[in-house]
Amino acid sequence: VIAEALGIEVTMPGGVGIQVPRPLASPEEVSSRIPSIDQINEAFVEEKLGHVLEAVRQIRQKMREENKDIPLIGFSAAPWTLLFYMVGGSSRKNT
């Protein structure tokens, strides 16, 4: 979701893991294909990731209604993992 918010297409076809059809091919592509840090503000996050934030809000509300006092844990790839996918194009070593 984070890579897609940054403008990098991600697919997850069955049985082959995460795929990035057009990975970043050079350092120059980082500045030409990914928004600059100046563009990433609260409005950007809300526009690109608002659906994720809303899902978390709804889950937390439901947990309160059901008196669930346990941590809400989701999955988000670590920054280096995301970078590997965005540059390497895949979650597999030799593709």
PDB file of N, CA and C in Angstrom:
ATOM      1  N   VAL A   1       0.828  -1.184   0.000  1.00  0.00           N
ATOM      2  CA  VAL A   1       0.000   0.000   0.000  1.00  0.00           C
ATOM      3  C   VAL A   1       0.876   1.253   0.000  1.00  0.00           C
ATOM      4  N   ILE A   2       1.976   1.226   0.755  1.00  0.00           N
ATOM      5  CA  ILE A   2       2.857   2.393   0.807  1.00  0.00           C
ATOM      6  C   ILE A   2       3.492   2.640  -0.558  1.00  0.00           C
ATOM      7  N   ALA A   3       4.003   1.584  -1.190  1.00  0.00           N
ATOM      8  CA  ALA A   3       4.618   1.737  -2.517  1.00  0.00           C
ATOM      9  C   ALA A   3       3.608   2.313  -3.500  1.00  0.00           C
ATOM     10  N   GLU A   4       2.385   1.808  -3.469  1.00  0.00           N
ATOM     11  CA  GLU A   4       1.347   2.323  -4.377  1.00  0.00           C
ATOM     12  C   GLU A   4       1.033   3.787  -4.077  1.00  0.00           C
ATOM     13  N   ALA A   5       1.027   4.163  -2.812  1.00  0.00           N
ATOM     14  CA  ALA A   5       0.791   5.557  -2.449  1.00  0.00           C
ATOM     15  C   ALA A   5       1.884   6.460  -3.009  1.00  0.00           C
ATOM     16  N   LEU A   6       3.078   5.898  -3.175  1.00  0.00           N
ATOM     17  CA  LEU A   6       4.195   6.657  -3.733  1.00  0.00           C
ATOM     18  C   LEU A   6       4.239   6.593  -5.255  1.00  0.00           C
ATOM     19  N   GLY A   7       3.251   5.932  -5.867  1.00  0.00           N
ATOM     20  CA  GLY A   7       3.168   5.885  -7.320  1.00  0.00           C
ATOM     21  C   GLY A   7       3.823   4.688  -7.970  1.00  0.00           C
ATOM     22  N   ILE A   8       4.190   3.685  -7.185  1.00  0.00           N
ATOM     23  CA  ILE A   8       4.821   2.474  -7.714  1.00  0.00           C
ATOM     24  C   ILE A   8       3.760   1.381  -7.803  1.00  0.00           C
ATOM     25  N   GLU A   9       3.504   0.884  -9.016  1.00  0.00           N
ATOM     26  CA  GLU A   9       2.511  -0.176  -9.200  1.00  0.00           C
ATOM     27  C   GLU A   9       2.988  -1.467  -8.544  1.00  0.00           C
ATOM     28  N   VAL A  10       2.093  -2.111  -7.827  1.00  0.00           N
ATOM     29  CA  VAL A  10       2.385  -3.379  -7.160  1.00  0.00           C
ATOM     30  C   VAL A  10       1.274  -4.361  -7.514  1.00  0.00           C
ATOM     31  N   THR A  11       1.660  -5.582  -7.858  1.00  0.00           N
ATOM     32  CA  THR A  11       0.674  -6.634  -8.115  1.00  0.00           C
ATOM     33  C   THR A  11       1.007  -7.826  -7.227  1.00  0.00           C
ATOM     34  N   MET A  12       0.009  -8.644  -6.973  1.00  0.00           N
ATOM     35  CA  MET A  12       0.212  -9.858  -6.172  1.00  0.00           C
ATOM     36  C   MET A  12      -0.497 -11.023  -6.848  1.00  0.00           C
ATOM     37  N   PRO A  13       0.040 -11.454  -7.992  1.00  0.00           N
ATOM     38  CA  PRO A  13      -0.575 -12.600  -8.655  1.00  0.00           C
ATOM     39  C   PRO A  13      -0.389 -13.853  -7.810  1.00  0.00           C
ATOM     40  N   GLY A  14      -1.358 -14.720  -7.838  1.00  0.00           N
ATOM     41  CA  GLY A  14      -1.303 -15.923  -7.017  1.00  0.00           C
ATOM     42  C   GLY A  14      -0.066 -16.777  -7.255  1.00  0.00           C
ATOM     43  N   GLY A  15       0.530 -17.222  -6.171  1.00  0.00           N
ATOM     44  CA  GLY A  15       1.620 -18.190  -6.226  1.00  0.00           C
ATOM     45  C   GLY A  15       3.001 -17.664  -6.572  1.00  0.00           C
ATOM     46  N   VAL A  16       3.134 -16.365  -6.847  1.00  0.00           N
ATOM     47  CA  VAL A  16       4.455 -15.856  -7.212  1.00  0.00           C
ATOM     48  C   VAL A  16       4.947 -14.728  -6.309  1.00  0.00           C
ATOM     49  N   GLY A  17       4.160 -14.322  -5.354  1.00  0.00           N
ATOM     50  CA  GLY A  17       4.585 -13.268  -4.436  1.00  0.00           C
ATOM     51  C   GLY A  17       4.370 -11.881  -5.019  1.00  0.00           C
ATOM     52  N   ILE A  18       4.899 -10.910  -4.327  1.00  0.00           N
ATOM     53  CA  ILE A  18       4.740  -9.508  -4.715  1.00  0.00           C
ATOM     54  C   ILE A  18       5.552  -9.232  -5.976  1.00  0.00           C
ATOM     55  N   GLN A  19       4.938  -8.478  -6.897  1.00  0.00           N
ATOM     56  CA  GLN A  19       5.602  -8.095  -8.131  1.00  0.00           C
ATOM     57  C   GLN A  19       5.493  -6.581  -8.330  1.00  0.00           C
ATOM     58  N   VAL A  20       6.568  -5.972  -8.784  1.00  0.00           N
ATOM     59  CA  VAL A  20       6.569  -4.559  -9.171  1.00  0.00           C
ATOM     60  C   VAL A  20       6.925  -4.547 -10.654  1.00  0.00           C
ATOM     61  N   PRO A  21       5.908  -4.400 -11.525  1.00  0.00           N
ATOM     62  CA  PRO A  21       6.148  -4.498 -12.960  1.00  0.00           C
ATOM     63  C   PRO A  21       7.185  -3.521 -13.506  1.00  0.00           C
ATOM     64  N   ARG A  22       7.229  -2.312 -12.933  1.00  0.00           N
ATOM     65  CA  ARG A  22       8.196  -1.302 -13.379  1.00  0.00           C
ATOM     66  C   ARG A  22       9.009  -0.823 -12.183  1.00  0.00           C
ATOM     67  N   PRO A  23       9.981  -1.625 -11.738  1.00  0.00           N
ATOM     68  CA  PRO A  23      10.765  -1.197 -10.570  1.00  0.00           C
ATOM     69  C   PRO A  23      11.619   0.031 -10.893  1.00  0.00           C
ATOM     70  N   LEU A  24      12.058   0.688  -9.853  1.00  0.00           N
ATOM     71  CA  LEU A  24      12.962   1.824 -10.018  1.00  0.00           C
ATOM     72  C   LEU A  24      14.275   1.308 -10.608  1.00  0.00           C
ATOM     73  N   ALA A  25      14.688   1.879 -11.725  1.00  0.00           N
ATOM     74  CA  ALA A  25      15.859   1.364 -12.439  1.00  0.00           C
ATOM     75  C   ALA A  25      17.139   2.132 -12.133  1.00  0.00           C
ATOM     76  N   SER A  26      17.027   3.311 -11.540  1.00  0.00           N
ATOM     77  CA  SER A  26      18.223   4.108 -11.265  1.00  0.00           C
ATOM     78  C   SER A  26      17.913   5.111 -10.157  1.00  0.00           C
ATOM     79  N   PRO A  27      18.954   5.666  -9.555  1.00  0.00           N
ATOM     80  CA  PRO A  27      18.708   6.696  -8.538  1.00  0.00           C
ATOM     81  C   PRO A  27      17.934   7.890  -9.098  1.00  0.00           C
ATOM     82  N   GLU A  28      18.142   8.204 -10.360  1.00  0.00           N
ATOM     83  CA  GLU A  28      17.430   9.325 -10.970  1.00  0.00           C
ATOM     84  C   GLU A  28      15.921   9.091 -10.989  1.00  0.00           C
ATOM     85  N   GLU A  29      15.503   7.851 -11.105  1.00  0.00           N
ATOM     86  CA  GLU A  29      14.077   7.546 -11.119  1.00  0.00           C
ATOM     87  C   GLU A  29      13.418   7.797  -9.768  1.00  0.00           C
ATOM     88  N   VAL A  30      14.182   7.771  -8.713  1.00  0.00           N
ATOM     89  CA  VAL A  30      13.603   8.075  -7.397  1.00  0.00           C
ATOM     90  C   VAL A  30      13.015   9.483  -7.421  1.00  0.00           C
ATOM     91  N   SER A  31      13.777  10.436  -7.938  1.00  0.00           N
ATOM     92  CA  SER A  31      13.277  11.813  -7.957  1.00  0.00           C
ATOM     93  C   SER A  31      12.239  12.051  -9.046  1.00  0.00           C
ATOM     94  N   SER A  32      12.259  11.256 -10.105  1.00  0.00           N
ATOM     95  CA  SER A  32      11.291  11.487 -11.177  1.00  0.00           C
ATOM     96  C   SER A  32       9.983  10.714 -10.989  1.00  0.00           C
ATOM     97  N   ARG A  33      10.000   9.634 -10.219  1.00  0.00           N
ATOM     98  CA  ARG A  33       8.801   8.804 -10.079  1.00  0.00           C
ATOM     99  C   ARG A  33       8.166   8.821  -8.700  1.00  0.00           C
ATOM    100  N   ILE A  34       8.918   9.226  -7.691  1.00  0.00           N
ATOM    101  CA  ILE A  34       8.400   9.243  -6.322  1.00  0.00           C
ATOM    102  C   ILE A  34       8.221  10.695  -5.882  1.00  0.00           C
ATOM    103  N   PRO A  35       7.102  11.009  -5.241  1.00  0.00           N
ATOM    104  CA  PRO A  35       6.895  12.391  -4.786  1.00  0.00           C
ATOM    105  C   PRO A  35       8.022  12.851  -3.859  1.00  0.00           C
ATOM    106  N   SER A  36       8.348  14.137  -3.938  1.00  0.00           N
ATOM    107  CA  SER A  36       9.391  14.679  -3.058  1.00  0.00           C
ATOM    108  C   SER A  36       8.859  14.758  -1.632  1.00  0.00           C
ATOM    109  N   ILE A  37       9.759  14.853  -0.699  1.00  0.00           N
ATOM    110  CA  ILE A  37       9.376  14.932   0.710  1.00  0.00           C
ATOM    111  C   ILE A  37       8.494  16.156   0.960  1.00  0.00           C
ATOM    112  N   ASP A  38       8.677  17.216   0.180  1.00  0.00           N
ATOM    113  CA  ASP A  38       7.847  18.417   0.323  1.00  0.00           C
ATOM    114  C   ASP A  38       6.388  18.157  -0.049  1.00  0.00           C
ATOM    115  N   GLN A  39       6.154  17.183  -0.904  1.00  0.00           N
ATOM    116  CA  GLN A  39       4.793  16.852  -1.338  1.00  0.00           C
ATOM    117  C   GLN A  39       4.083  15.907  -0.372  1.00  0.00           C
ATOM    118  N   ILE A  40       4.858  15.240   0.488  1.00  0.00           N
ATOM    119  CA  ILE A  40       4.270  14.257   1.399  1.00  0.00           C
ATOM    120  C   ILE A  40       3.924  14.950   2.713  1.00  0.00           C
ATOM    121  N   ASN A  41       2.667  15.338   2.804  1.00  0.00           N
ATOM    122  CA  ASN A  41       2.176  16.031   3.986  1.00  0.00           C
ATOM    123  C   ASN A  41       0.903  15.332   4.460  1.00  0.00           C
ATOM    124  N   GLU A  42       0.245  15.907   5.438  1.00  0.00           N
ATOM    125  CA  GLU A  42      -0.947  15.276   5.997  1.00  0.00           C
ATOM    126  C   GLU A  42      -2.029  15.061   4.936  1.00  0.00           C
ATOM    127  N   ALA A  43      -2.211  16.035   4.040  1.00  0.00           N
ATOM    128  CA  ALA A  43      -3.224  15.906   2.985  1.00  0.00           C
ATOM    129  C   ALA A  43      -2.865  14.774   2.021  1.00  0.00           C
ATOM    130  N   PHE A  44      -1.582  14.641   1.694  1.00  0.00           N
ATOM    131  CA  PHE A  44      -1.121  13.566   0.814  1.00  0.00           C
ATOM    132  C   PHE A  44      -1.414  12.209   1.447  1.00  0.00           C
ATOM    133  N   VAL A  45      -1.066  12.073   2.720  1.00  0.00           N
ATOM    134  CA  VAL A  45      -1.294  10.808   3.429  1.00  0.00           C
ATOM    135  C   VAL A  45      -2.787  10.486   3.475  1.00  0.00           C
ATOM    136  N   GLU A  46      -3.601  11.477   3.775  1.00  0.00           N
ATOM    137  CA  GLU A  46      -5.044  11.247   3.832  1.00  0.00           C
ATOM    138  C   GLU A  46      -5.584  10.846   2.461  1.00  0.00           C
ATOM    139  N   GLU A  47      -5.119  11.504   1.408  1.00  0.00           N
ATOM    140  CA  GLU A  47      -5.587  11.180   0.053  1.00  0.00           C
ATOM    141  C   GLU A  47      -5.168   9.780  -0.374  1.00  0.00           C
ATOM    142  N   LYS A  48      -3.918   9.440  -0.137  1.00  0.00           N
ATOM    143  CA  LYS A  48      -3.383   8.168  -0.628  1.00  0.00           C
ATOM    144  C   LYS A  48      -3.637   6.988   0.300  1.00  0.00           C
ATOM    145  N   LEU A  49      -3.699   7.252   1.606  1.00  0.00           N
ATOM    146  CA  LEU A  49      -3.806   6.163   2.578  1.00  0.00           C
ATOM    147  C   LEU A  49      -5.023   6.307   3.489  1.00  0.00           C
ATOM    148  N   GLY A  50      -5.918   7.207   3.148  1.00  0.00           N
ATOM    149  CA  GLY A  50      -7.096   7.435   3.977  1.00  0.00           C
ATOM    150  C   GLY A  50      -7.907   6.173   4.204  1.00  0.00           C
ATOM    151  N   HIS A  51      -7.984   5.315   3.189  1.00  0.00           N
ATOM    152  CA  HIS A  51      -8.759   4.079   3.341  1.00  0.00           C
ATOM    153  C   HIS A  51      -8.151   3.155   4.401  1.00  0.00           C
ATOM    154  N   VAL A  52      -6.843   3.159   4.515  1.00  0.00           N
ATOM    155  CA  VAL A  52      -6.173   2.344   5.535  1.00  0.00           C
ATOM    156  C   VAL A  52      -6.449   2.936   6.919  1.00  0.00           C
ATOM    157  N   LEU A  53      -6.299   4.240   7.030  1.00  0.00           N
ATOM    158  CA  LEU A  53      -6.559   4.902   8.310  1.00  0.00           C
ATOM    159  C   LEU A  53      -8.004   4.693   8.744  1.00  0.00           C
ATOM    160  N   GLU A  54      -8.943   4.778   7.798  1.00  0.00           N
ATOM    161  CA  GLU A  54     -10.357   4.571   8.128  1.00  0.00           C
ATOM    162  C   GLU A  54     -10.604   3.130   8.573  1.00  0.00           C
ATOM    163  N   ALA A  55      -9.976   2.178   7.938  1.00  0.00           N
ATOM    164  CA  ALA A  55     -10.139   0.775   8.338  1.00  0.00           C
ATOM    165  C   ALA A  55      -9.647   0.570   9.769  1.00  0.00           C
ATOM    166  N   VAL A  56      -8.517   1.170  10.109  1.00  0.00           N
ATOM    167  CA  VAL A  56      -7.991   1.055  11.475  1.00  0.00           C
ATOM    168  C   VAL A  56      -8.952   1.710  12.464  1.00  0.00           C
ATOM    169  N   ARG A  57      -9.487   2.885  12.103  1.00  0.00           N
ATOM    170  CA  ARG A  57     -10.464   3.546  12.984  1.00  0.00           C
ATOM    171  C   ARG A  57     -11.673   2.651  13.231  1.00  0.00           C
ATOM    172  N   GLN A  58     -12.188   2.032  12.175  1.00  0.00           N
ATOM    173  CA  GLN A  58     -13.363   1.169  12.309  1.00  0.00           C
ATOM    174  C   GLN A  58     -13.062  -0.068  13.155  1.00  0.00           C
ATOM    175  N   ILE A  59     -11.908  -0.652  12.966  1.00  0.00           N
ATOM    176  CA  ILE A  59     -11.535  -1.831  13.757  1.00  0.00           C
ATOM    177  C   ILE A  59     -11.401  -1.446  15.230  1.00  0.00           C
ATOM    178  N   ARG A  60     -10.731  -0.317  15.487  1.00  0.00           N
ATOM    179  CA  ARG A  60     -10.572   0.121  16.872  1.00  0.00           C
ATOM    180  C   ARG A  60     -11.922   0.411  17.521  1.00  0.00           C
ATOM    181  N   GLN A  61     -12.848   1.021  16.775  1.00  0.00           N
ATOM    182  CA  GLN A  61     -14.190   1.295  17.295  1.00  0.00           C
ATOM    183  C   GLN A  61     -14.897  -0.010  17.649  1.00  0.00           C
ATOM    184  N   LYS A  62     -14.824  -0.971  16.756  1.00  0.00           N
ATOM    185  CA  LYS A  62     -15.466  -2.268  16.995  1.00  0.00           C
ATOM    186  C   LYS A  62     -14.844  -2.953  18.220  1.00  0.00           C
ATOM    187  N   MET A  63     -13.535  -2.842  18.366  1.00  0.00           N
ATOM    188  CA  MET A  63     -12.868  -3.424  19.532  1.00  0.00           C
ATOM    189  C   MET A  63     -13.358  -2.765  20.823  1.00  0.00           C
ATOM    190  N   ARG A  64     -13.532  -1.444  20.803  1.00  0.00           N
ATOM    191  CA  ARG A  64     -14.054  -0.744  21.994  1.00  0.00           C
ATOM    192  C   ARG A  64     -15.470  -1.221  22.307  1.00  0.00           C
ATOM    193  N   GLU A  65     -16.306  -1.336  21.263  1.00  0.00           N
ATOM    194  CA  GLU A  65     -17.683  -1.793  21.462  1.00  0.00           C
ATOM    195  C   GLU A  65     -17.730  -3.191  22.061  1.00  0.00           C
ATOM    196  N   GLU A  66     -16.761  -4.021  21.710  1.00  0.00           N
ATOM    197  CA  GLU A  66     -16.724  -5.403  22.200  1.00  0.00           C
ATOM    198  C   GLU A  66     -15.839  -5.553  23.431  1.00  0.00           C
ATOM    199  N   ASN A  67     -15.407  -4.419  24.007  1.00  0.00           N
ATOM    200  CA  ASN A  67     -14.540  -4.423  25.192  1.00  0.00           C
ATOM    201  C   ASN A  67     -13.288  -5.273  24.996  1.00  0.00           C
ATOM    202  N   LYS A  68     -12.719  -5.192  23.825  1.00  0.00           N
ATOM    203  CA  LYS A  68     -11.470  -5.904  23.535  1.00  0.00           C
ATOM    204  C   LYS A  68     -10.318  -4.975  23.895  1.00  0.00           C
ATOM    205  N   ASP A  69      -9.504  -5.392  24.816  1.00  0.00           N
ATOM    206  CA  ASP A  69      -8.362  -4.593  25.245  1.00  0.00           C
ATOM    207  C   ASP A  69      -7.082  -5.329  24.880  1.00  0.00           C
ATOM    208  N   ILE A  70      -6.903  -5.513  23.588  1.00  0.00           N
ATOM    209  CA  ILE A  70      -5.712  -6.205  23.085  1.00  0.00           C
ATOM    210  C   ILE A  70      -5.092  -5.346  21.994  1.00  0.00           C
ATOM    211  N   PRO A  71      -3.799  -5.515  21.728  1.00  0.00           N
ATOM    212  CA  PRO A  71      -3.164  -4.708  20.684  1.00  0.00           C
ATOM    213  C   PRO A  71      -3.751  -5.018  19.302  1.00  0.00           C
ATOM    214  N   LEU A  72      -3.859  -3.988  18.495  1.00  0.00           N
ATOM    215  CA  LEU A  72      -4.250  -4.137  17.098  1.00  0.00           C
ATOM    216  C   LEU A  72      -2.959  -4.140  16.295  1.00  0.00           C
ATOM    217  N   ILE A  73      -2.644  -5.259  15.722  1.00  0.00           N
ATOM    218  CA  ILE A  73      -1.399  -5.394  14.969  1.00  0.00           C
ATOM    219  C   ILE A  73      -1.737  -5.698  13.515  1.00  0.00           C
ATOM    220  N   GLY A  74      -1.169  -4.920  12.613  1.00  0.00           N
ATOM    221  CA  GLY A  74      -1.311  -5.156  11.186  1.00  0.00           C
ATOM    222  C   GLY A  74       0.048  -5.449  10.601  1.00  0.00           C
ATOM    223  N   PHE A  75       0.087  -5.735   9.336  1.00  0.00           N
ATOM    224  CA  PHE A  75       1.362  -6.002   8.685  1.00  0.00           C
ATOM    225  C   PHE A  75       1.728  -4.850   7.776  1.00  0.00           C
ATOM    226  N   SER A  76       2.946  -4.406   7.878  1.00  0.00           N
ATOM    227  CA  SER A  76       3.508  -3.433   6.953  1.00  0.00           C
ATOM    228  C   SER A  76       4.959  -3.814   6.772  1.00  0.00           C
ATOM    229  N   ALA A  77       5.345  -3.998   5.538  1.00  0.00           N
ATOM    230  CA  ALA A  77       6.735  -4.374   5.281  1.00  0.00           C
ATOM    231  C   ALA A  77       7.663  -3.298   5.832  1.00  0.00           C
ATOM    232  N   ALA A  78       8.792  -3.737   6.332  1.00  0.00           N
ATOM    233  CA  ALA A  78       9.780  -2.805   6.854  1.00  0.00           C
ATOM    234  C   ALA A  78      10.314  -1.933   5.707  1.00  0.00           C
ATOM    235  N   PRO A  79      10.830  -0.753   6.015  1.00  0.00           N
ATOM    236  CA  PRO A  79      11.310   0.142   4.948  1.00  0.00           C
ATOM    237  C   PRO A  79      12.295  -0.515   3.978  1.00  0.00           C
ATOM    238  N   TRP A  80      13.222  -1.308   4.477  1.00  0.00           N
ATOM    239  CA  TRP A  80      14.191  -1.936   3.567  1.00  0.00           C
ATOM    240  C   TRP A  80      13.525  -2.978   2.683  1.00  0.00           C
ATOM    241  N   THR A  81      12.525  -3.665   3.208  1.00  0.00           N
ATOM    242  CA  THR A  81      11.793  -4.649   2.405  1.00  0.00           C
ATOM    243  C   THR A  81      11.048  -3.942   1.286  1.00  0.00           C
ATOM    244  N   LEU A  82      10.372  -2.844   1.604  1.00  0.00           N
ATOM    245  CA  LEU A  82       9.677  -2.072   0.579  1.00  0.00           C
ATOM    246  C   LEU A  82      10.645  -1.582  -0.483  1.00  0.00           C
ATOM    247  N   LEU A  83      11.784  -1.064  -0.056  1.00  0.00           N
ATOM    248  CA  LEU A  83      12.786  -0.589  -1.004  1.00  0.00           C
ATOM    249  C   LEU A  83      13.265  -1.732  -1.903  1.00  0.00           C
ATOM    250  N   PHE A  84      13.488  -2.899  -1.327  1.00  0.00           N
ATOM    251  CA  PHE A  84      13.918  -4.063  -2.118  1.00  0.00           C
ATOM    252  C   PHE A  84      12.907  -4.369  -3.212  1.00  0.00           C
ATOM    253  N   TYR A  85      11.630  -4.381  -2.868  1.00  0.00           N
ATOM    254  CA  TYR A  85      10.585  -4.649  -3.869  1.00  0.00           C
ATOM    255  C   TYR A  85      10.553  -3.561  -4.929  1.00  0.00           C
ATOM    256  N   MET A  86      10.648  -2.301  -4.494  1.00  0.00           N
ATOM    257  CA  MET A  86      10.541  -1.186  -5.423  1.00  0.00           C
ATOM    258  C   MET A  86      11.724  -1.122  -6.388  1.00  0.00           C
ATOM    259  N   VAL A  87      12.882  -1.604  -5.966  1.00  0.00           N
ATOM    260  CA  VAL A  87      14.070  -1.601  -6.818  1.00  0.00           C
ATOM    261  C   VAL A  87      14.245  -2.954  -7.512  1.00  0.00           C
ATOM    262  N   GLY A  88      14.012  -4.027  -6.784  1.00  0.00           N
ATOM    263  CA  GLY A  88      14.246  -5.362  -7.334  1.00  0.00           C
ATOM    264  C   GLY A  88      13.095  -5.890  -8.167  1.00  0.00           C
ATOM    265  N   GLY A  89      11.908  -5.341  -7.947  1.00  0.00           N
ATOM    266  CA  GLY A  89      10.758  -5.733  -8.756  1.00  0.00           C
ATOM    267  C   GLY A  89      10.003  -6.961  -8.287  1.00  0.00           C
ATOM    268  N   SER A  90      10.502  -7.611  -7.229  1.00  0.00           N
ATOM    269  CA  SER A  90       9.866  -8.858  -6.832  1.00  0.00           C
ATOM    270  C   SER A  90      10.242  -9.221  -5.422  1.00  0.00           C
ATOM    271  N   SER A  91       9.450 -10.106  -4.834  1.00  0.00           N
ATOM    272  CA  SER A  91       9.781 -10.637  -3.514  1.00  0.00           C
ATOM    273  C   SER A  91      10.633 -11.893  -3.629  1.00  0.00           C
ATOM    274  N   ARG A  92      10.937 -12.292  -4.848  1.00  0.00           N
ATOM    275  CA  ARG A  92      11.752 -13.499  -5.078  1.00  0.00           C
ATOM    276  C   ARG A  92      13.158 -13.113  -5.454  1.00  0.00           C
ATOM    277  N   LYS A  93      14.110 -13.940  -5.110  1.00  0.00           N
ATOM    278  CA  LYS A  93      15.520 -13.642  -5.340  1.00  0.00           C
ATOM    279  C   LYS A  93      15.891 -13.566  -6.817  1.00  0.00           C
ATOM    280  N   ASN A  94      15.435 -14.497  -7.601  1.00  0.00           N
ATOM    281  CA  ASN A  94      15.931 -14.615  -8.973  1.00  0.00           C
ATOM    282  C   ASN A  94      14.854 -14.443 -10.034  1.00  0.00           C
ATOM    283  N   THR A  95      14.102 -13.356  -9.962  1.00  0.00           N
ATOM    284  CA  THR A  95      13.099 -13.141 -11.002  1.00  0.00           C
ATOM    285  C   THR A  95      13.443 -11.919 -11.811  1.00  0.00           C
TER     286      THR A  95
END
